[in-house]
């Protein structure tokens, strides 16, 4: 397999892992906050939404960056 494709796949995997982990922790925090405040529904506040958006945009940058560096190092 071409090194750039390998790098892109590694970047996609790491990006998905980062987004899923961040989403898990943000939702967990929102549920705990709702429980403390005796609310029935948990909602994400704007700061948490921005955190998720920033990690998602960073994760979108990972596949091309990993593809380039894998190609640069192993090709």
N, C-alpha and C. Protein backbone atom coordinates (compact mmCIF):
# COMPACT_ATOMS: atom_id res chain seq x y z
N UNK A 1 0.86 -1.17 0.00
CA UNK A 1 0.00 0.00 0.00
C UNK A 1 0.90 1.24 0.00
N UNK A 2 0.48 2.24 -0.71
CA UNK A 2 1.26 3.47 -0.80
C UNK A 2 1.35 4.13 0.58
N UNK A 3 2.51 4.67 0.93
CA UNK A 3 2.68 5.28 2.26
C UNK A 3 1.71 6.43 2.54
N UNK A 4 1.35 7.19 1.52
CA UNK A 4 0.42 8.30 1.74
C UNK A 4 -0.97 7.79 2.12
N UNK A 5 -1.39 6.69 1.49
CA UNK A 5 -2.69 6.12 1.82
C UNK A 5 -2.67 5.56 3.25
N UNK A 6 -1.55 4.90 3.59
CA UNK A 6 -1.41 4.40 4.97
C UNK A 6 -1.48 5.54 5.97
N UNK A 7 -0.79 6.61 5.70
CA UNK A 7 -0.80 7.76 6.59
C UNK A 7 -2.17 8.37 6.72
N UNK A 8 -2.88 8.46 5.61
CA UNK A 8 -4.23 9.01 5.65
C UNK A 8 -5.15 8.13 6.50
N UNK A 9 -5.02 6.82 6.35
CA UNK A 9 -5.85 5.91 7.15
C UNK A 9 -5.50 6.00 8.63
N UNK A 10 -4.24 6.13 8.94
CA UNK A 10 -3.84 6.31 10.34
C UNK A 10 -4.39 7.62 10.88
N UNK A 11 -4.33 8.67 10.07
CA UNK A 11 -4.87 9.97 10.47
C UNK A 11 -6.37 9.92 10.70
N UNK A 12 -7.09 9.19 9.85
CA UNK A 12 -8.54 9.05 10.03
C UNK A 12 -8.83 8.31 11.33
N UNK A 13 -8.08 7.25 11.59
CA UNK A 13 -8.28 6.49 12.82
C UNK A 13 -8.03 7.32 14.07
N UNK A 14 -6.94 8.06 14.07
CA UNK A 14 -6.63 8.90 15.23
C UNK A 14 -7.67 10.00 15.37
N UNK A 15 -8.07 10.59 14.26
CA UNK A 15 -9.09 11.65 14.30
C UNK A 15 -10.41 11.15 14.86
N UNK A 16 -10.85 9.98 14.41
CA UNK A 16 -12.10 9.41 14.92
C UNK A 16 -11.99 9.10 16.41
N UNK A 17 -10.84 8.60 16.82
CA UNK A 17 -10.63 8.30 18.23
C UNK A 17 -10.69 9.58 19.07
N UNK A 18 -10.06 10.65 18.59
CA UNK A 18 -10.08 11.92 19.33
C UNK A 18 -11.50 12.49 19.43
N UNK A 19 -12.23 12.48 18.34
CA UNK A 19 -13.59 13.03 18.34
C UNK A 19 -14.50 12.20 19.24
N UNK A 20 -14.40 10.88 19.13
CA UNK A 20 -15.25 10.02 19.95
C UNK A 20 -14.93 10.17 21.43
N UNK A 21 -13.66 10.24 21.77
CA UNK A 21 -13.27 10.42 23.17
C UNK A 21 -13.72 11.75 23.72
N UNK A 22 -13.54 12.81 22.96
CA UNK A 22 -13.96 14.13 23.41
C UNK A 22 -15.47 14.20 23.57
N UNK A 23 -16.20 13.61 22.62
CA UNK A 23 -17.66 13.60 22.70
C UNK A 23 -18.11 12.84 23.95
N UNK A 24 -17.50 11.70 24.22
CA UNK A 24 -17.84 10.91 25.40
C UNK A 24 -17.66 11.73 26.67
N UNK A 25 -16.52 12.39 26.80
CA UNK A 25 -16.25 13.14 28.02
C UNK A 25 -17.12 14.38 28.15
N UNK A 26 -17.42 15.05 27.06
CA UNK A 26 -18.28 16.24 27.11
C UNK A 26 -19.70 15.85 27.50
N UNK A 27 -20.22 14.78 26.92
CA UNK A 27 -21.58 14.34 27.26
C UNK A 27 -21.64 13.85 28.70
N UNK A 28 -20.60 13.15 29.13
CA UNK A 28 -20.55 12.67 30.51
C UNK A 28 -20.58 13.85 31.47
N UNK A 29 -19.82 14.89 31.17
CA UNK A 29 -19.80 16.09 32.00
C UNK A 29 -21.17 16.78 32.01
N UNK A 30 -21.82 16.85 30.85
CA UNK A 30 -23.15 17.48 30.77
C UNK A 30 -24.18 16.68 31.57
N UNK A 31 -24.10 15.36 31.53
CA UNK A 31 -25.04 14.53 32.30
C UNK A 31 -24.83 14.72 33.80
N UNK A 32 -23.56 14.78 34.22
CA UNK A 32 -23.28 15.00 35.64
C UNK A 32 -23.77 16.36 36.10
N UNK A 33 -23.60 17.38 35.25
CA UNK A 33 -24.07 18.73 35.59
C UNK A 33 -25.59 18.75 35.69
N UNK A 34 -26.27 18.08 34.78
CA UNK A 34 -27.74 18.03 34.82
C UNK A 34 -28.21 17.30 36.08
N UNK A 35 -27.49 16.27 36.46
CA UNK A 35 -27.87 15.53 37.66
C UNK A 35 -27.68 16.39 38.91
N UNK A 36 -26.59 17.16 38.97
CA UNK A 36 -26.34 18.05 40.11
C UNK A 36 -27.40 19.14 40.21
N UNK A 37 -27.86 19.62 39.06
CA UNK A 37 -28.84 20.70 39.04
C UNK A 37 -30.28 20.18 39.01
N UNK A 38 -30.45 18.89 39.16
CA UNK A 38 -31.77 18.25 39.20
C UNK A 38 -32.60 18.55 37.95
N UNK A 39 -31.94 18.47 36.80
CA UNK A 39 -32.63 18.65 35.53
C UNK A 39 -32.85 17.29 34.88
N UNK A 40 -33.89 17.19 34.08
CA UNK A 40 -34.20 15.92 33.44
C UNK A 40 -33.36 15.68 32.18
N UNK A 41 -33.07 16.76 31.44
CA UNK A 41 -32.32 16.63 30.18
C UNK A 41 -30.95 17.26 30.33
N UNK A 42 -29.99 16.68 29.67
CA UNK A 42 -28.67 17.29 29.64
C UNK A 42 -28.49 17.99 28.29
N UNK A 43 -27.95 19.19 28.34
CA UNK A 43 -27.70 19.95 27.13
C UNK A 43 -26.27 20.46 27.17
N UNK A 44 -25.67 20.55 26.01
CA UNK A 44 -24.31 21.05 25.92
C UNK A 44 -24.34 22.57 25.92
N UNK A 45 -23.46 23.17 26.71
CA UNK A 45 -23.38 24.63 26.70
C UNK A 45 -22.50 25.07 25.52
N UNK A 46 -22.47 26.36 25.22
CA UNK A 46 -21.71 26.83 24.05
C UNK A 46 -20.21 26.50 24.12
N UNK A 47 -19.64 26.51 25.30
CA UNK A 47 -18.22 26.19 25.43
C UNK A 47 -17.96 24.74 25.03
N UNK A 48 -18.83 23.85 25.43
CA UNK A 48 -18.67 22.44 25.08
C UNK A 48 -18.87 22.22 23.58
N UNK A 49 -19.80 22.95 23.00
CA UNK A 49 -20.02 22.84 21.56
C UNK A 49 -18.79 23.33 20.79
N UNK A 50 -18.18 24.40 21.29
CA UNK A 50 -16.97 24.91 20.64
C UNK A 50 -15.80 23.93 20.79
N UNK A 51 -15.71 23.26 21.96
CA UNK A 51 -14.68 22.25 22.15
C UNK A 51 -14.83 21.13 21.13
N UNK A 52 -16.07 20.66 20.95
CA UNK A 52 -16.30 19.59 19.98
C UNK A 52 -16.01 20.06 18.55
N UNK A 53 -16.38 21.28 18.23
CA UNK A 53 -16.13 21.81 16.89
C UNK A 53 -14.63 21.96 16.64
N UNK A 54 -13.89 22.41 17.64
CA UNK A 54 -12.46 22.60 17.44
C UNK A 54 -11.74 21.26 17.31
N UNK A 55 -12.13 20.26 18.08
CA UNK A 55 -11.48 18.96 17.96
C UNK A 55 -11.86 18.31 16.63
N UNK A 56 -13.08 18.55 16.14
CA UNK A 56 -13.49 18.00 14.84
C UNK A 56 -12.72 18.67 13.70
N UNK A 57 -12.52 19.97 13.78
CA UNK A 57 -11.76 20.64 12.72
C UNK A 57 -10.29 20.23 12.76
N UNK A 58 -9.75 20.01 13.95
CA UNK A 58 -8.38 19.51 14.05
C UNK A 58 -8.29 18.11 13.47
N UNK A 59 -9.29 17.29 13.73
CA UNK A 59 -9.29 15.92 13.23
C UNK A 59 -9.43 15.89 11.71
N UNK A 60 -10.06 16.88 11.13
CA UNK A 60 -10.16 16.95 9.67
C UNK A 60 -8.81 17.27 9.05
N UNK A 61 -7.94 17.91 9.80
CA UNK A 61 -6.60 18.25 9.33
C UNK A 61 -5.64 17.06 9.43
N UNK A 62 -5.92 16.11 10.30
CA UNK A 62 -5.00 15.00 10.54
C UNK A 62 -4.74 14.10 9.33
N UNK A 63 -5.75 13.62 8.59
CA UNK A 63 -5.45 12.70 7.47
C UNK A 63 -4.50 13.28 6.42
N UNK A 64 -4.71 14.52 5.95
CA UNK A 64 -3.74 15.04 4.97
C UNK A 64 -2.35 15.23 5.58
N UNK A 65 -2.28 15.63 6.84
CA UNK A 65 -0.98 15.82 7.47
C UNK A 65 -0.26 14.49 7.63
N UNK A 66 -0.96 13.47 8.11
CA UNK A 66 -0.34 12.15 8.26
C UNK A 66 0.05 11.59 6.90
N UNK A 67 -0.79 11.77 5.88
CA UNK A 67 -0.47 11.28 4.53
C UNK A 67 0.82 11.94 4.03
N UNK A 68 0.93 13.25 4.21
CA UNK A 68 2.13 13.96 3.76
C UNK A 68 3.37 13.47 4.50
N UNK A 69 3.28 13.35 5.81
CA UNK A 69 4.48 12.96 6.56
C UNK A 69 4.84 11.49 6.34
N UNK A 70 3.86 10.61 6.17
CA UNK A 70 4.18 9.22 5.84
C UNK A 70 4.86 9.15 4.47
N UNK A 71 4.33 9.93 3.53
CA UNK A 71 4.92 9.96 2.18
C UNK A 71 6.32 10.52 2.24
N UNK A 72 6.54 11.57 3.04
CA UNK A 72 7.84 12.21 3.15
C UNK A 72 8.87 11.28 3.79
N UNK A 73 8.47 10.53 4.77
CA UNK A 73 9.40 9.68 5.51
C UNK A 73 9.65 8.35 4.80
N UNK A 74 8.57 7.68 4.33
CA UNK A 74 8.73 6.31 3.83
C UNK A 74 8.71 6.18 2.30
N UNK A 75 8.51 7.23 1.59
CA UNK A 75 8.47 7.08 0.13
C UNK A 75 9.80 7.43 -0.51
